[in-house]
Structures are given as structure tokens and as C-alpha cells.
Protein backbone atom coordinates (compact mmCIF):
# COMPACT_ATOMS: atom_id res chain seq x y z
CA UNK A 1 -99.58 61.30 -27.07
CA UNK A 2 -98.95 58.96 -23.78
CA UNK A 3 -96.59 56.58 -24.36
CA UNK A 4 -97.02 53.06 -22.46
CA UNK A 5 -93.97 50.92 -21.10
CA UNK A 6 -94.38 47.18 -20.30
CA UNK A 7 -92.28 46.45 -17.05
CA UNK A 8 -90.24 42.64 -17.08
CA UNK A 9 -89.07 40.88 -13.95
CA UNK A 10 -85.15 40.06 -15.00
CA UNK A 11 -83.81 36.61 -13.79
CA UNK A 12 -80.05 36.45 -12.72
CA UNK A 13 -77.84 34.56 -14.82
CA UNK A 14 -75.32 31.88 -12.92
CA UNK A 15 -71.89 32.55 -13.35
CA UNK A 16 -69.78 30.27 -15.67
CA UNK A 17 -67.68 28.70 -12.80
CA UNK A 18 -70.58 27.98 -10.63
CA UNK A 19 -71.76 26.03 -13.27
CA UNK A 20 -68.66 23.84 -13.66
CA UNK A 21 -68.23 23.09 -10.13
CA UNK A 22 -71.99 22.41 -9.45
CA UNK A 23 -71.10 19.76 -12.54
CA UNK A 24 -68.32 18.38 -11.38
CA UNK A 25 -69.90 17.66 -7.71
CA UNK A 26 -72.64 15.78 -9.44
CA UNK A 27 -69.96 13.70 -11.42
CA UNK A 28 -68.08 13.00 -7.95
CA UNK A 29 -71.47 11.87 -6.42
CA UNK A 30 -72.29 9.59 -9.29
CA UNK A 31 -69.03 7.87 -9.15
CA UNK A 32 -69.20 7.46 -5.32
CA UNK A 33 -72.29 5.93 -5.93
CA UNK A 34 -71.17 3.83 -8.74
CA UNK A 35 -68.39 2.25 -6.39
CA UNK A 36 -71.00 1.45 -3.56
CA UNK A 37 -73.07 0.00 -6.28
CA UNK A 38 -70.81 -1.92 -8.69
CA UNK A 39 -68.84 -4.95 -6.92
CA UNK A 40 -65.05 -5.29 -7.24
CA UNK A 41 -63.88 -7.52 -9.68
CA UNK A 42 -62.15 -10.61 -8.04
CA UNK A 43 -58.23 -10.94 -9.10
CA UNK A 44 -57.80 -13.55 -11.99
CA UNK A 45 -55.52 -15.23 -9.74
CA UNK A 46 -57.95 -16.02 -7.18
CA UNK A 47 -61.26 -16.52 -9.44
CA UNK A 48 -62.45 -20.02 -10.05
CA UNK A 49 -65.04 -21.29 -12.33
CA UNK A 50 -66.83 -23.13 -9.77
CA UNK A 51 -67.11 -20.08 -7.62
CA UNK A 52 -64.68 -21.18 -4.94
CA UNK A 53 -61.95 -19.22 -3.98
CA UNK A 54 -59.14 -20.57 -5.26
CA UNK A 55 -55.07 -19.72 -6.31
CA UNK A 56 -52.50 -20.62 -8.71
CA UNK A 57 -50.04 -22.68 -7.59
CA UNK A 58 -46.19 -22.92 -8.99
CA UNK A 59 -43.29 -25.44 -8.74
CA UNK A 60 -39.93 -24.44 -7.44
CA UNK A 61 -36.92 -26.37 -6.55
CA UNK A 62 -36.63 -26.12 -2.67
CA UNK A 63 -33.54 -26.61 -0.30
CA UNK A 64 -34.98 -24.79 2.80
CA UNK A 65 -31.82 -23.05 3.22
CA UNK A 66 -31.48 -21.05 6.55
CA UNK A 67 -28.63 -19.36 7.94
CA UNK A 68 -28.30 -21.13 11.39
CA UNK A 69 -25.22 -21.46 13.82
CA UNK A 70 -23.66 -24.63 15.36
CA UNK A 71 -22.20 -25.12 18.93
CA UNK A 72 -18.89 -26.90 18.79
CA UNK A 73 -17.40 -28.70 21.74
CA UNK A 74 -13.61 -28.66 21.34
CA UNK A 75 -11.99 -32.27 22.28
CA UNK A 76 -8.67 -32.55 23.83
CA UNK A 77 -5.34 -31.48 22.03
CA UNK A 78 -3.48 -34.38 20.39
CA UNK A 79 0.39 -35.26 21.43
CA UNK A 80 2.37 -36.72 18.52
CA UNK A 81 5.09 -38.85 19.78
CA UNK A 82 8.12 -40.69 18.04
CA UNK A 83 9.00 -44.40 18.51
CA UNK A 84 12.33 -44.44 18.17
CA UNK A 85 15.19 -42.69 20.30
CA UNK A 86 18.19 -40.55 18.35
CA UNK A 87 19.02 -37.31 17.08
CA UNK A 88 16.94 -35.10 14.94
CA UNK A 89 18.81 -34.33 11.94
CA UNK A 90 15.84 -33.10 10.05
CA UNK A 91 12.55 -32.06 10.29
CA UNK A 92 9.36 -30.91 8.47
CA UNK A 93 7.48 -29.18 11.31
CA UNK A 94 6.00 -25.51 11.59
CA UNK A 95 2.89 -24.09 13.73
CA UNK A 96 0.06 -23.95 11.40
CA UNK A 97 1.57 -26.16 8.85
CA UNK A 98 0.36 -29.60 7.96
CA UNK A 99 0.87 -33.22 9.01
CA UNK A 100 0.13 -35.03 5.90
CA UNK A 101 -0.13 -38.96 6.06
CA UNK A 102 2.48 -40.88 3.88
CA UNK A 103 5.10 -37.73 4.49
CA UNK A 104 8.12 -37.83 6.46
CA UNK A 105 7.88 -35.87 9.82
CA UNK A 106 11.30 -35.85 10.58
CA UNK A 107 14.43 -37.66 10.40
CA UNK A 108 16.23 -39.36 13.31
CA UNK A 109 19.97 -40.50 12.97
CA UNK A 110 19.03 -39.64 9.20
CA UNK A 111 16.84 -42.08 8.85
CA UNK A 112 12.87 -40.59 7.91
CA UNK A 113 9.96 -41.12 10.28
CA UNK A 114 7.11 -41.12 8.24
CA UNK A 115 3.50 -39.96 9.17
CA UNK A 116 0.57 -42.84 8.87
CA UNK A 117 -3.13 -42.14 9.54
CA UNK A 118 -4.47 -45.27 10.40
CA UNK A 119 -7.69 -45.99 12.66
CA UNK A 120 -5.61 -48.22 15.04
CA UNK A 121 -1.93 -47.12 15.78
CA UNK A 122 0.65 -49.63 15.04
CA UNK A 123 2.08 -50.94 18.22
CA UNK A 124 4.04 -53.61 17.01
CA UNK A 125 6.45 -54.93 14.19
CA UNK A 126 4.39 -56.59 11.48
CA UNK A 127 5.64 -59.87 10.28
CA UNK A 128 4.19 -61.99 7.01
CA UNK A 129 1.40 -64.19 8.71
CA UNK A 130 0.64 -61.60 11.12
CA UNK A 131 -3.08 -60.55 11.61
CA UNK A 132 -5.72 -58.15 13.44
CA UNK A 133 -7.38 -54.88 13.47
CA UNK A 134 -3.95 -53.19 13.49
CA UNK A 135 -3.01 -54.85 10.20
CA UNK A 136 -6.38 -54.41 8.74
CA UNK A 137 -5.76 -50.42 9.47
CA UNK A 138 -2.56 -50.52 7.99
CA UNK A 139 -3.80 -52.05 4.74
CA UNK A 140 -6.61 -49.53 4.66
CA UNK A 141 -4.46 -46.68 4.78
CA UNK A 142 -1.93 -48.03 2.26
CA UNK A 143 -4.82 -48.75 -0.24
CA UNK A 144 -6.02 -45.12 0.65
CA UNK A 145 -2.65 -43.85 -0.43
CA UNK A 146 -2.95 -45.58 -3.70
CA UNK A 147 -0.98 -49.03 -3.03
CA UNK A 148 -2.64 -52.38 -4.28
CA UNK A 149 -3.00 -54.21 -1.30
CA UNK A 150 -5.93 -56.50 -0.08
CA UNK A 151 -7.67 -55.42 3.04
CA UNK A 152 -8.00 -58.80 4.71
CA UNK A 153 -6.28 -58.09 7.77
CA UNK A 154 -3.39 -60.31 7.30
CA UNK A 155 -0.12 -59.39 6.31
CA UNK A 156 0.99 -61.18 3.16
CA UNK A 157 3.78 -60.36 0.39
CA UNK A 158 1.72 -57.58 -0.80
CA UNK A 159 1.17 -56.21 2.45
CA UNK A 160 4.85 -56.03 2.97
CA UNK A 161 5.74 -54.87 -0.65
CA UNK A 162 3.56 -51.93 -0.26
CA UNK A 163 4.92 -50.68 3.12
CA UNK A 164 8.48 -51.01 1.81
CA UNK A 165 7.52 -48.97 -1.34
CA UNK A 166 5.68 -46.29 1.14
CA UNK A 167 8.85 -45.92 2.95
CA UNK A 168 11.20 -45.82 0.15
CA UNK A 169 9.22 -43.02 -1.13
CA UNK A 170 9.41 -41.09 1.66
CA UNK A 171 13.47 -41.58 1.78
CA UNK A 172 14.12 -44.41 3.85
CA UNK A 173 17.17 -46.12 2.88
CA UNK A 174 16.70 -49.57 5.14
CA UNK A 175 13.07 -50.01 3.93
CA UNK A 176 13.93 -53.63 2.88
CA UNK A 177 12.53 -54.86 6.11
CA UNK A 178 10.88 -58.49 6.31
CA UNK A 179 8.86 -56.90 8.93
CA UNK A 180 7.00 -53.45 8.97
CA UNK A 181 8.88 -51.82 11.91
CA UNK A 182 6.31 -49.84 13.92
CA UNK A 183 8.78 -47.35 14.73
CA UNK A 184 9.62 -46.30 11.39
CA UNK A 185 5.80 -44.36 11.29
CA UNK A 186 4.47 -41.77 13.26
CA UNK A 187 0.80 -41.81 13.95
CA UNK A 188 -1.74 -39.48 12.90
CA UNK A 189 -5.51 -39.26 14.13
CA UNK A 190 -6.70 -38.15 10.59
CA UNK A 191 -4.77 -38.22 6.94
CA UNK A 192 -4.09 -34.60 7.22
CA UNK A 193 -4.01 -32.39 10.41
CA UNK A 194 -2.78 -28.71 11.29
CA UNK A 195 -0.03 -28.70 13.47
CA UNK A 196 -0.56 -26.73 16.79
CA UNK A 197 2.90 -26.68 18.56
CA UNK A 198 6.51 -28.21 17.49
CA UNK A 199 8.07 -29.78 20.38
CA UNK A 200 11.38 -30.50 19.14
CA UNK A 201 14.12 -29.15 16.83
CA UNK A 202 17.03 -30.23 14.72
CA UNK A 203 20.07 -31.24 17.03
CA UNK A 204 18.08 -32.43 19.57
CA UNK A 205 18.55 -35.74 21.06
CA UNK A 206 15.12 -37.83 21.70
CA UNK A 207 14.26 -40.86 23.75
CA UNK A 208 11.53 -43.40 22.37
CA UNK A 209 8.19 -42.08 23.07
CA UNK A 210 9.13 -38.10 23.05
CA UNK A 211 6.57 -35.68 22.19
CA UNK A 212 7.03 -34.53 18.67
CA UNK A 213 4.22 -32.15 18.02
CA UNK A 214 0.81 -31.00 19.28
CA UNK A 215 -2.57 -31.05 17.22
CA UNK A 216 -5.11 -28.15 18.18
CA UNK A 217 -8.06 -29.56 19.93
CA UNK A 218 -10.62 -31.11 17.37
CA UNK A 219 -14.16 -31.47 17.62
CA UNK A 220 -15.78 -33.96 20.15
CA UNK A 221 -19.34 -32.68 19.47
CA UNK A 222 -21.73 -30.34 17.54
CA UNK A 223 -25.22 -29.42 17.66
CA UNK A 224 -27.43 -26.69 15.89
CA UNK A 225 -28.93 -24.96 19.18
CA UNK A 226 -32.68 -25.16 19.29
CA UNK A 227 -33.02 -27.20 15.90
CA UNK A 228 -36.15 -25.81 14.30
CA UNK A 229 -36.62 -29.41 12.56
CA UNK A 230 -36.68 -31.72 15.44
CA UNK A 231 -38.43 -34.99 14.80
CA UNK A 232 -38.21 -34.17 10.99
CA UNK A 233 -37.47 -37.38 8.93
CA UNK A 234 -36.17 -35.34 6.37
CA UNK A 235 -32.28 -35.37 5.79
CA UNK A 236 -30.33 -32.08 6.25
CA UNK A 237 -26.74 -30.90 6.40
CA UNK A 238 -24.70 -27.97 8.06
CA UNK A 239 -22.63 -26.22 5.49
CA UNK A 240 -19.80 -23.84 6.28
CA UNK A 241 -16.77 -23.16 4.01
CA UNK A 242 -18.01 -25.09 1.12
CA UNK A 243 -18.16 -28.06 3.69
CA UNK A 244 -21.47 -30.33 3.95
CA UNK A 245 -21.69 -31.98 7.21
CA UNK A 246 -24.42 -34.55 7.79
CA UNK A 247 -26.78 -33.58 10.73
CA UNK A 248 -29.14 -36.05 12.72
CA UNK A 249 -32.65 -35.87 13.29
CA UNK A 250 -31.60 -33.72 16.51
CA UNK A 251 -29.45 -31.45 14.49
CA UNK A 252 -26.22 -32.81 15.99
CA UNK A 253 -22.89 -33.94 14.06
CA UNK A 254 -22.26 -37.62 15.31
CA UNK A 255 -19.93 -39.01 12.61
CA UNK A 256 -16.13 -38.89 13.69
CA UNK A 257 -14.93 -38.29 10.18
CA UNK A 258 -17.37 -35.51 9.91
CA UNK A 259 -16.31 -33.79 13.09
CA UNK A 260 -12.64 -34.15 12.00
CA UNK A 261 -13.49 -32.18 8.85
CA UNK A 262 -15.23 -29.72 10.79
CA UNK A 263 -12.55 -28.88 13.04
CA UNK A 264 -10.59 -28.63 9.82
CA UNK A 265 -12.64 -25.79 8.65
CA UNK A 266 -11.34 -21.83 8.44
CA UNK A 267 -14.37 -20.95 10.33
CA UNK A 268 -14.08 -23.25 13.34
CA UNK A 269 -10.30 -22.75 13.60
CA UNK A 270 -11.13 -18.80 13.34
CA UNK A 271 -13.67 -19.57 15.94
CA UNK A 272 -11.33 -21.45 18.18
CA UNK A 273 -8.51 -18.72 18.01
CA UNK A 274 -11.01 -16.07 19.09
CA UNK A 275 -11.92 -18.05 22.07
CA UNK A 276 -8.17 -18.88 22.86
CA UNK A 277 -7.42 -15.30 22.77
CA UNK A 278 -10.39 -13.96 24.75
CA UNK A 279 -11.77 -11.92 22.10
CA UNK A 280 -12.69 -8.26 22.41
CA UNK A 281 -16.06 -8.96 22.88
CA UNK A 282 -16.08 -12.72 23.51
CA UNK A 283 -17.28 -13.29 20.11
CA UNK A 284 -17.38 -16.79 18.89
CA UNK A 285 -17.69 -18.36 22.46
CA UNK A 286 -20.39 -19.94 24.42
CA UNK A 287 -19.91 -19.01 28.07
CA UNK A 288 -16.83 -17.05 29.29
CA UNK A 289 -13.78 -17.64 26.87
CA UNK A 290 -11.30 -20.53 27.03
CA UNK A 291 -10.19 -23.72 25.30
CA UNK A 292 -12.62 -25.92 26.53
CA UNK A 293 -15.63 -23.83 26.02
CA UNK A 294 -18.02 -24.65 22.96
CA UNK A 295 -17.56 -22.05 20.19
CA UNK A 296 -19.95 -20.79 17.62
CA UNK A 297 -19.39 -21.56 13.94
CA UNK A 298 -21.81 -19.47 11.25
CA UNK A 299 -23.13 -21.72 8.76
CA UNK A 300 -26.26 -22.48 7.05
CA UNK A 301 -28.68 -25.71 7.44
CA UNK A 302 -30.43 -26.97 4.06
CA UNK A 303 -31.72 -30.34 2.97
CA UNK A 304 -29.46 -32.93 1.62
CA UNK A 305 -31.46 -33.55 -1.33
CA UNK A 306 -33.45 -30.61 -2.64
CA UNK A 307 -36.94 -31.47 -3.90
CA UNK A 308 -39.16 -30.13 -6.67
CA UNK A 309 -41.77 -28.35 -4.40
CA UNK A 310 -45.56 -26.96 -4.88
CA UNK A 311 -45.51 -23.39 -3.73
CA UNK A 312 -49.04 -22.95 -2.18
CA UNK A 313 -50.81 -20.22 0.14
CA UNK A 314 -50.96 -21.40 3.71
CA UNK A 315 -54.48 -21.26 3.62
CA UNK A 316 -54.57 -23.88 0.94
CA UNK A 317 -53.80 -26.53 3.73
CA UNK A 318 -55.91 -28.64 5.54
CA UNK A 319 -56.26 -31.66 7.68
CA UNK A 320 -52.62 -30.79 8.97
CA UNK A 321 -50.98 -33.38 11.27
CA UNK A 322 -47.24 -33.01 12.02
CA UNK A 323 -45.44 -32.32 8.56
CA UNK A 324 -48.37 -34.04 6.68
CA UNK A 325 -51.37 -32.05 5.21
CA UNK A 326 -53.91 -32.07 2.17
CA UNK A 327 -54.64 -29.86 -0.79
CA UNK A 328 -57.77 -29.88 -2.81
CA UNK A 329 -59.06 -28.60 -6.01
CA UNK A 330 -62.55 -28.95 -7.74
CA UNK A 331 -63.21 -31.71 -5.73
CA UNK A 332 -59.68 -33.85 -5.84
CA UNK A 333 -57.63 -34.25 -2.92
CA UNK A 334 -53.92 -34.42 -2.52
CA UNK A 335 -51.83 -35.54 0.40
CA UNK A 336 -48.72 -33.59 0.53
CA UNK A 337 -45.89 -33.35 3.39
CA UNK A 338 -45.09 -29.60 4.55
CA UNK A 339 -41.17 -28.98 3.59
CA UNK A 340 -40.89 -25.32 5.02
CA UNK A 341 -42.30 -21.66 4.92
CA UNK A 342 -41.12 -18.50 3.96
CA UNK A 343 -42.50 -14.86 3.14
CA UNK A 344 -46.05 -16.23 3.54
CA UNK A 345 -46.04 -19.31 1.05
CA UNK A 346 -45.65 -22.59 2.05
CA UNK A 347 -43.74 -25.26 0.17
CA UNK A 348 -45.24 -28.78 -0.08
CA UNK A 349 -43.99 -31.84 -1.77
CA UNK A 350 -45.26 -32.19 -5.13
CA UNK A 351 -47.72 -34.94 -5.84
CA UNK A 352 -49.01 -37.16 -8.57
CA UNK A 353 -50.89 -35.41 -11.07
CA UNK A 354 -50.56 -32.11 -8.87
CA UNK A 355 -53.05 -29.53 -9.53
CA UNK A 356 -52.30 -25.70 -10.93
CA UNK A 357 -54.51 -24.25 -8.73
CA UNK A 358 -55.65 -25.03 -5.07
CA UNK A 359 -58.92 -24.06 -3.48
CA UNK A 360 -58.43 -21.57 -0.20
CA UNK A 361 -60.08 -22.34 2.94
CA UNK A 362 -61.37 -25.60 2.00
CA UNK A 363 -64.69 -26.60 3.67
CA UNK A 364 -66.19 -30.14 3.90
CA UNK A 365 -63.15 -31.11 1.84
CA UNK A 366 -62.49 -34.99 0.80
CA UNK A 367 -59.79 -36.75 2.76
CA UNK A 368 -56.46 -37.30 1.10
CA UNK A 369 -55.33 -40.38 2.61
């Protein structure tokens, strides 16, 4: 009996690894297509219900502090002279020490001579009834030292009494004068000054008008080089060693009292010392080293009055004219003044009813002023 056999075609079976690879490729292609087709969501900070691109704003206290140097030109040295002759029996003078108004500088023939800082040096003895600018200067310093005296420019009983009490407090035995003797005082240009050089010694005999000590050169002028705020009406100050010094609109220090205070700062004295010594690398000087050259004092420039400011993206500003600009949100425009910029953000004055968001790259926005 013949046996019949049926032929069947066998199909190859895919390996498990191949199936996994194909599936992964299909998933990757699908994801890529999804990225192309699906739009990227706008970050919530930039989304706006109106469809206009906008950004949140925040409020910060802004002082616009910037590290900037001050170029300081020294003035001439000041020589302190005594008004009477005699032998020095004691003195309080040391290089680098302080000369303080109201304190004894030295004794001549055992009678103290007292430092006195007046706007105008005493050039004559002052008796009751005398008047003038020198009298007013004396009264102003007596008042600053704590003595009760009217600043009226005329010598009266109160002015004489205050001057006598000052003399006695400094050790003067003959302070019962009927007129204030000019030679009982040694003029100082400021209430306190650093002594640069002592010119006398105990036992030395002096003539009237002889030099007693020399004060280092003060500051005759000071300017922030390449001042970045030129023309701005916002008041700024230079800060060094904890001292705040007013700057004018050009970045210069102009007030005499401010220049005197600047000249007493450790930063200025250090720069002057480096300039006088020549410095190993000329640091601290402008031009070749020397006592007449300007010196550079490091510090910072900041607003005199810190303000509450809005922090906005630069793209939110339009209609910019100088420091003035506009911001807008939802059709309401606000006039602001640009205070400064830092790290891609702009600080502006905070207007009344300030918005919490601003439109970016506004077009056809309304006028704000």
C-alpha cells in the first residue's frame, strides 16, 4: 500500500531580539513626529490671557552700587605756625598723631598754646565790642566745642567767657584775659588733622611765626574718571572706608568739607603713601609717582537715596528718551525712569498702581506721558 506525503512550505520565524529593536525604532519615530506636530507650551511666566507675550515684574530696593575708583588730586602741605616766641617746655606732637581743636599743642614758657580750628585764622586780639568775620569764626568753633555762645559776629561777655573757659580747660593759667589773645591759639584748617612732620622739640627756643608742624597734603580735587552717570539728575555718592561723600552731576567732589574728610580716610592716606614711596608697580598713582600726582582711591558709587524699583526685562521698555521710558500691560501705559541695569534686567521707578506684569516688545502701545 503506497503511502502519500503532503509537502508544506515553512515560513521563517523572527527572532525575539529583532522584534524588540523594530518596536523601539517605531516608538522613537512616533515620539519625534509628536515633537514636530505638538507645539511647545509657553512658560507660565511669559503667558498672558490676552495672547500678548508678557512677563512678571518684581519690586526691589535699588541703590545701584557699582565699584568705581576716585581720582584725587592732593593740595599743598599746610605748615602750622606759633604766634608767640619763647622756649618750648612741652609739646604734644608726633608724626602720624592727631592735632585736635581745643587741645593743647605745646607749651611756651610753661604756658599752653591751644589748637583752634576756625574758618578764618585769628589775626588780632579780640576785645569786647569787636566784630567781624574772625569773631564769627571764633564763635562758630566755640559753639561746636560745646560752649554756649551766640554766633552773631560781635564779641560780648558770653564770647569772652567761653574763650576763657576753653583756655582754662587746656591748662592756661592766665586765661582771665579781658581780650582773647590771638597768640594763645594755634590755627588748624580742620577740627582734626593728621600730623605729617613735627618741626620743633622740647627745649628749643622759638621766634613768633616759627613753624611748629606740617600737615600732609589734603585733597584739592576729586573726580570719578569716565563717570557713567553724567547728566543724570539722580543724586549719587562715593563710599570709602565707611564714609559717604556727595558727588555732583559730573561725578566730582566739590564741597571743601567733603574733600577734607576724604583726605583723612585710610584709603587716601595709603594711596598717598604709596605715591610718595614710588610703589613697586606704580599702584595708586595717576602718572609718574610723586607727591603732586593724583592718586586713585578705590570705592563704590551708589544712589544717595535707595529707591523701591520695579525689575523688568529690557524688552518691556519703549518710547525711551534719556532716562525716561514707558511700560505697558493690557493697554494701560505707565511712565517710568530708568535707574540702572544689571545682569539682563532693568530697574525703573515704581509708578502709582504699578502692574504685576508687563508686555514684551510692545507694538502700537499708547503714550505714557
